[in-house]
Amino acid sequence: MTTNLHSPKRVTALPPTWCPGCGNFGILGSIKAALDQLTVTPDQAVFVYDVGCSGNMADFVYAYGFHSLHGRALSSAAGIKLANHHLPVISVIGDGGCFGEGVDHFIGLSRGNHDITVLTHDNYLYSLTTGQKSPLTPKGTVTPSTPDGTIDEAFNPLGVAILNQATFVARGFAGDIPHLTKLLIAAISHSGFSLLDILQPCPTYKKDRSYAWYRDHIYYLDQEAGYQTNDRKLALQKTLETDRLPVGIFFEETKPAYHQQVISLKDTPLVSQTIDSINIGPALKEFI
């Protein structure tokens, strides 16, 4: 992979503060490479960050950014997209914020096919707060918040996205930057709701899932003979695999995005519309 040395600045002067070996370093590298290859300048995209280790990326990416409340990164991203649908809007969020506090937004925006890209940092824990269980923590896992082991079954984000009509569903691995970069480019380029769930090693609190463990357990869907990304049933079956973890594009289809179906938005972004000639008189008549 080559990078244009004269490309726009992609990172700020602040050094990342993540733990040594954190998967976020690989995700940040893939974001830089994807923006480079898409030739997106810092003023041509918006990143919306959640709270947590993933949210710390707000300090390091040189682009428009908004730091949301916990679990609200997706709803904020949808609002920005509705205001100016010409901008790529990318939500950076952890598995806890996305599938715990923000799961209602995740399902609702998926069903509406809102044109945002969701990058979930999936380390199976709430790591910033010392490794408590998240919705994706496997059943039986001992954590500071589940000393006797997690009781509930793990949430299946890819399966839920496919069942709720997401039009792009993929999984990547933070330890394979070239492959993750390709998935990022595909997700950002897709028109509609894009979920890219990223397997992210946490060497501080999830030591049993190291980079070596993932490399031993993942396989690539694009190397599976006969796999078709438009086969919803097959994609769902793939999301249920836990012994071997498929990475790549699980499912994709083309449908109108949410803003393309709103009469007042599909031709002109809200940010470009004037309010000088608005007449609310007819709407108020029945109340007078």
Protein backbone atom coordinates (compact mmCIF):
# COMPACT_ATOMS: atom_id res chain seq x y z
CA MET A 1 0.00 0.00 0.00
CA THR A 2 1.36 3.44 -0.89
CA THR A 3 0.53 6.77 0.71
CA ASN A 4 0.72 10.16 -0.99
CA LEU A 5 3.40 12.10 0.87
CA HIS A 6 1.78 15.37 -0.21
CA SER A 7 -1.68 14.41 1.06
CA PRO A 8 -3.50 16.59 3.62
CA LYS A 9 -2.58 16.25 7.27
CA ARG A 10 -4.53 13.35 8.81
CA VAL A 11 -3.55 13.53 12.49
CA THR A 12 -3.11 16.27 15.05
CA ALA A 13 0.09 17.07 16.91
CA LEU A 14 -1.19 15.25 19.99
CA PRO A 15 0.29 11.75 20.53
CA PRO A 16 -2.23 8.94 21.19
CA THR A 17 -2.63 8.07 24.87
CA TRP A 18 -3.86 4.48 24.50
CA CYS A 19 -2.20 1.59 26.29
CA PRO A 20 0.78 0.04 24.47
CA GLY A 21 -0.48 -2.58 22.02
CA CYS A 22 -4.05 -1.26 21.94
CA GLY A 23 -5.96 -2.14 18.78
CA ASN A 24 -6.92 1.52 18.43
CA PHE A 25 -3.50 2.25 16.93
CA GLY A 26 -4.28 -0.07 14.01
CA ILE A 27 -7.74 1.45 13.58
CA LEU A 28 -6.27 4.96 13.52
CA GLY A 29 -3.71 3.86 10.94
CA SER A 30 -6.46 2.40 8.77
CA ILE A 31 -8.53 5.59 9.02
CA LYS A 32 -5.53 7.66 7.89
CA ALA A 33 -4.87 5.32 4.97
CA ALA A 34 -8.55 5.20 3.94
CA LEU A 35 -8.92 8.99 3.95
CA ASP A 36 -5.72 9.21 1.92
CA GLN A 37 -6.93 6.78 -0.72
CA LEU A 38 -10.37 8.41 -0.86
CA THR A 39 -8.62 11.81 -1.19
CA VAL A 40 -10.94 13.20 1.48
CA THR A 41 -9.57 16.43 2.95
CA PRO A 42 -10.08 17.34 6.63
CA ASP A 43 -12.93 19.72 5.77
CA GLN A 44 -14.77 17.12 3.67
CA ALA A 45 -15.77 14.65 6.40
CA VAL A 46 -17.15 14.64 9.93
CA PHE A 47 -16.23 12.19 12.69
CA VAL A 48 -18.58 11.74 15.62
CA TYR A 49 -16.97 10.17 18.68
CA ASP A 50 -18.50 8.35 21.61
CA VAL A 51 -17.16 8.15 25.18
CA GLY A 52 -14.42 5.66 26.06
CA CYS A 53 -11.08 4.58 24.63
CA SER A 54 -12.47 4.90 21.10
CA GLY A 55 -13.68 8.42 21.89
CA ASN A 56 -10.13 9.51 22.71
CA MET A 57 -9.52 9.37 18.97
CA ALA A 58 -11.22 12.80 18.81
CA ASP A 59 -7.90 14.29 19.92
CA PHE A 60 -5.86 12.60 17.21
CA VAL A 61 -7.79 12.73 13.90
CA TYR A 62 -7.37 15.98 11.98
CA ALA A 63 -10.88 16.52 10.62
CA TYR A 64 -14.23 17.96 11.65
CA GLY A 65 -15.22 16.19 14.84
CA PHE A 66 -17.94 16.11 17.48
CA HIS A 67 -17.57 14.38 20.85
CA SER A 68 -20.99 13.08 21.87
CA LEU A 69 -22.47 11.74 25.08
CA HIS A 70 -22.09 8.03 25.86
CA GLY A 71 -24.18 5.95 23.46
CA ARG A 72 -25.29 9.00 21.47
CA ALA A 73 -22.65 9.10 18.74
CA LEU A 74 -24.96 7.47 16.17
CA SER A 75 -27.91 9.80 16.75
CA SER A 76 -25.60 12.82 16.57
CA ALA A 77 -24.09 11.47 13.35
CA ALA A 78 -27.55 11.03 11.84
CA GLY A 79 -28.43 14.64 12.70
CA ILE A 80 -25.27 15.95 11.05
CA LYS A 81 -25.95 13.87 7.95
CA LEU A 82 -29.51 15.20 7.68
CA ALA A 83 -28.16 18.75 7.94
CA ASN A 84 -25.59 18.26 5.18
CA HIS A 85 -25.85 14.97 3.32
CA HIS A 86 -22.92 15.85 1.04
CA LEU A 87 -20.50 15.19 3.91
CA PRO A 88 -19.36 11.66 4.74
CA VAL A 89 -20.24 11.15 8.42
CA ILE A 90 -18.30 8.53 10.37
CA SER A 91 -19.21 7.44 13.89
CA VAL A 92 -16.39 6.10 16.09
CA ILE A 93 -17.83 4.16 19.02
CA GLY A 94 -17.08 1.24 21.33
CA ASP A 95 -19.08 -1.97 21.61
CA GLY A 96 -20.46 -0.81 24.96
CA GLY A 97 -21.69 2.56 23.77
CA CYS A 98 -23.08 1.24 20.49
CA PHE A 99 -24.75 -1.95 21.65
CA GLY A 100 -25.45 -0.99 25.26
CA GLU A 101 -26.43 2.63 25.92
CA GLY A 102 -26.98 3.33 22.21
CA VAL A 103 -28.55 0.10 20.97
CA ASP A 104 -31.90 1.79 20.27
CA HIS A 105 -30.19 4.29 17.96
CA PHE A 106 -28.23 1.47 16.30
CA ILE A 107 -31.38 -0.46 15.44
CA GLY A 108 -33.46 2.57 14.47
CA LEU A 109 -30.86 4.11 12.17
CA SER A 110 -30.20 0.73 10.60
CA ARG A 111 -33.91 0.29 9.80
CA GLY A 112 -34.06 3.79 8.30
CA ASN A 113 -30.89 3.22 6.24
CA HIS A 114 -29.38 6.51 7.40
CA ASP A 115 -26.26 7.25 5.38
CA ILE A 116 -23.65 7.07 8.14
CA THR A 117 -20.64 4.83 8.64
CA VAL A 118 -20.41 3.18 12.06
CA LEU A 119 -16.98 2.00 13.20
CA THR A 120 -17.35 -0.06 16.36
CA HIS A 121 -14.21 -0.78 18.38
CA ASP A 122 -15.10 -4.26 19.55
CA ASN A 123 -12.95 -5.51 22.44
CA TYR A 124 -15.84 -7.21 24.29
CA LEU A 125 -15.45 -4.94 27.34
CA TYR A 126 -15.83 -1.47 28.82
CA SER A 127 -12.06 -1.07 28.94
CA LEU A 128 -11.71 2.61 29.85
CA THR A 129 -13.45 1.86 33.15
CA THR A 130 -11.17 -1.11 33.96
CA GLY A 131 -12.70 -3.91 31.93
CA GLN A 132 -16.31 -4.39 33.01
CA LYS A 133 -18.58 -6.61 30.89
CA SER A 134 -20.14 -5.13 27.77
CA PRO A 135 -23.10 -6.43 25.74
CA LEU A 136 -20.63 -8.43 23.61
CA THR A 137 -18.78 -10.13 26.46
CA PRO A 138 -19.06 -13.92 25.99
CA LYS A 139 -21.26 -15.75 28.50
CA GLY A 140 -19.31 -16.99 31.50
CA THR A 141 -16.54 -14.38 31.30
CA VAL A 142 -15.16 -13.18 34.63
CA THR A 143 -14.80 -9.38 34.77
CA PRO A 144 -14.67 -6.79 37.60
CA SER A 145 -18.46 -6.40 37.27
CA THR A 146 -19.15 -10.15 36.89
CA PRO A 147 -16.83 -11.91 39.37
CA ASP A 148 -18.82 -15.15 39.04
CA GLY A 149 -18.97 -14.98 35.25
CA THR A 150 -21.31 -13.22 32.83
CA ILE A 151 -24.83 -14.69 32.93
CA ASP A 152 -26.42 -13.23 29.82
CA GLU A 153 -25.65 -14.30 26.25
CA ALA A 154 -23.52 -12.02 24.07
CA PHE A 155 -25.21 -9.58 21.70
CA ASN A 156 -24.79 -10.33 17.97
CA PRO A 157 -24.31 -6.91 16.30
CA LEU A 158 -23.79 -8.18 12.76
CA GLY A 159 -26.85 -10.41 12.90
CA VAL A 160 -29.01 -7.64 14.38
CA ALA A 161 -27.84 -5.21 11.69
CA ILE A 162 -28.65 -7.66 8.89
CA LEU A 163 -32.08 -8.47 10.36
CA ASN A 164 -32.84 -4.76 10.70
CA GLN A 165 -32.14 -3.94 7.06
CA ALA A 166 -28.65 -2.43 7.27
CA THR A 167 -27.37 -2.20 3.71
CA PHE A 168 -23.65 -2.71 4.47
CA VAL A 169 -22.44 -5.05 7.22
CA ALA A 170 -18.78 -5.98 7.66
CA ARG A 171 -16.19 -7.02 10.23
CA GLY A 172 -12.51 -6.18 10.26
CA PHE A 173 -9.46 -6.82 12.43
CA ALA A 174 -7.32 -4.03 13.89
CA GLY A 175 -4.21 -6.18 13.42
CA ASP A 176 -4.58 -6.27 9.63
CA ILE A 177 -4.35 -2.62 8.56
CA PRO A 178 -4.34 -3.20 4.75
CA HIS A 179 -7.50 -5.35 4.90
CA LEU A 180 -9.21 -3.04 7.39
CA THR A 181 -8.40 -0.07 5.16
CA LYS A 182 -10.16 -1.74 2.22
CA LEU A 183 -13.23 -2.35 4.38
CA LEU A 184 -13.19 1.26 5.59
CA ILE A 185 -13.08 2.56 2.04
CA ALA A 186 -15.98 0.31 1.06
CA ALA A 187 -18.01 1.32 4.12
CA ILE A 188 -17.47 5.06 3.67
CA SER A 189 -18.19 4.82 -0.06
CA HIS A 190 -21.44 2.95 0.49
CA SER A 191 -24.67 4.96 0.33
CA GLY A 192 -26.77 3.94 3.32
CA PHE A 193 -26.23 2.55 6.81
CA SER A 194 -22.78 0.95 7.05
CA LEU A 195 -21.65 -1.09 10.04
CA LEU A 196 -17.99 -2.02 10.27
CA ASP A 197 -17.41 -3.97 13.48
CA ILE A 198 -13.69 -4.03 14.25
CA LEU A 199 -12.13 -6.80 16.34
CA GLN A 200 -9.83 -4.80 18.59
CA PRO A 201 -7.37 -6.51 20.94
CA CYS A 202 -7.20 -5.03 24.44
CA PRO A 203 -3.89 -6.25 25.92
CA THR A 204 -4.64 -4.60 29.29
CA TYR A 205 -8.01 -6.15 30.19
CA LYS A 206 -8.63 -8.87 27.59
CA LYS A 207 -5.38 -10.78 27.61
CA ASP A 208 -6.94 -14.04 26.41
CA ARG A 209 -7.69 -12.48 23.00
CA SER A 210 -4.29 -11.31 21.81
CA TYR A 211 -3.24 -10.46 18.27
CA ALA A 212 -1.92 -14.00 17.95
CA TRP A 213 -5.25 -15.43 19.17
CA TYR A 214 -7.16 -13.46 16.56
CA ARG A 215 -4.79 -14.44 13.77
CA ASP A 216 -5.36 -18.08 14.71
CA HIS A 217 -9.15 -17.70 14.75
CA ILE A 218 -10.10 -15.35 11.91
CA TYR A 219 -10.61 -16.19 8.27
CA TYR A 220 -11.43 -14.02 5.26
CA LEU A 221 -14.84 -14.17 3.62
CA ASP A 222 -13.50 -13.07 0.24
CA GLN A 223 -11.41 -16.26 0.21
CA GLU A 224 -14.48 -18.46 0.77
CA ALA A 225 -15.42 -20.19 -2.49
CA GLY A 226 -18.87 -19.18 -3.64
CA TYR A 227 -19.57 -16.65 -0.91
CA GLN A 228 -21.98 -13.96 -2.11
CA THR A 229 -22.44 -10.75 -0.15
CA ASN A 230 -26.04 -10.38 -1.39
CA ASP A 231 -27.15 -13.62 0.27
CA ARG A 232 -28.89 -12.46 3.47
CA LYS A 233 -29.52 -15.98 4.81
CA LEU A 234 -25.91 -17.05 4.34
CA ALA A 235 -24.67 -13.80 5.89
CA LEU A 236 -26.82 -14.44 8.96
CA GLN A 237 -25.39 -17.93 9.29
CA LYS A 238 -21.87 -16.49 9.19
CA THR A 239 -22.65 -14.12 12.08
CA LEU A 240 -23.38 -17.13 14.30
CA GLU A 241 -19.89 -18.61 13.93
CA THR A 242 -17.82 -18.28 17.09
CA ASP A 243 -15.11 -20.94 16.85
CA ARG A 244 -13.76 -19.33 13.69
CA LEU A 245 -14.43 -15.62 13.17
CA PRO A 246 -15.11 -14.50 9.59
CA VAL A 247 -13.89 -11.04 8.61
CA GLY A 248 -14.81 -9.08 5.50
CA ILE A 249 -18.09 -7.93 3.98
CA PHE A 250 -20.95 -10.10 5.25
CA PHE A 251 -23.81 -8.39 3.42
CA GLU A 252 -24.43 -5.43 1.14
CA GLU A 253 -27.26 -4.19 -1.02
CA THR A 254 -28.33 -0.98 -2.74
CA LYS A 255 -31.36 0.90 -1.42
CA PRO A 256 -32.24 4.60 -1.17
CA ALA A 257 -30.73 6.19 1.91
CA TYR A 258 -32.96 7.95 4.44
CA HIS A 259 -32.25 11.50 3.25
CA GLN A 260 -32.94 10.49 -0.34
CA GLN A 261 -36.51 9.64 0.61
CA VAL A 262 -37.26 12.90 2.45
CA ILE A 263 -38.86 15.28 -0.06
CA SER A 264 -37.41 18.40 1.54
CA LEU A 265 -33.86 16.99 1.63
CA LYS A 266 -33.29 14.79 -1.39
CA ASP A 267 -32.42 17.65 -3.77
CA THR A 268 -30.82 20.26 -1.50
CA PRO A 269 -29.07 19.76 1.86
CA LEU A 270 -30.72 21.48 4.79
CA VAL A 271 -27.61 23.58 5.38
CA SER A 272 -28.03 25.10 1.89
CA GLN A 273 -31.70 25.96 2.27
CA THR A 274 -32.79 29.47 3.17
CA ILE A 275 -35.36 30.27 5.85
CA ASP A 276 -36.07 33.79 4.54
CA SER A 277 -39.26 32.84 2.71
CA ILE A 278 -40.79 30.35 5.13
CA ASN A 279 -44.50 30.97 5.78
CA ILE A 280 -45.95 29.01 8.68
CA GLY A 281 -49.31 30.74 8.43
CA PRO A 282 -51.11 27.87 6.65
CA ALA A 283 -49.88 25.40 9.25
CA LEU A 284 -51.18 27.58 12.09
CA LYS A 285 -54.63 28.30 10.64
CA GLU A 286 -56.33 25.35 12.28
CA PHE A 287 -55.07 26.47 15.70
CA ILE A 288 -56.27 30.09 15.44
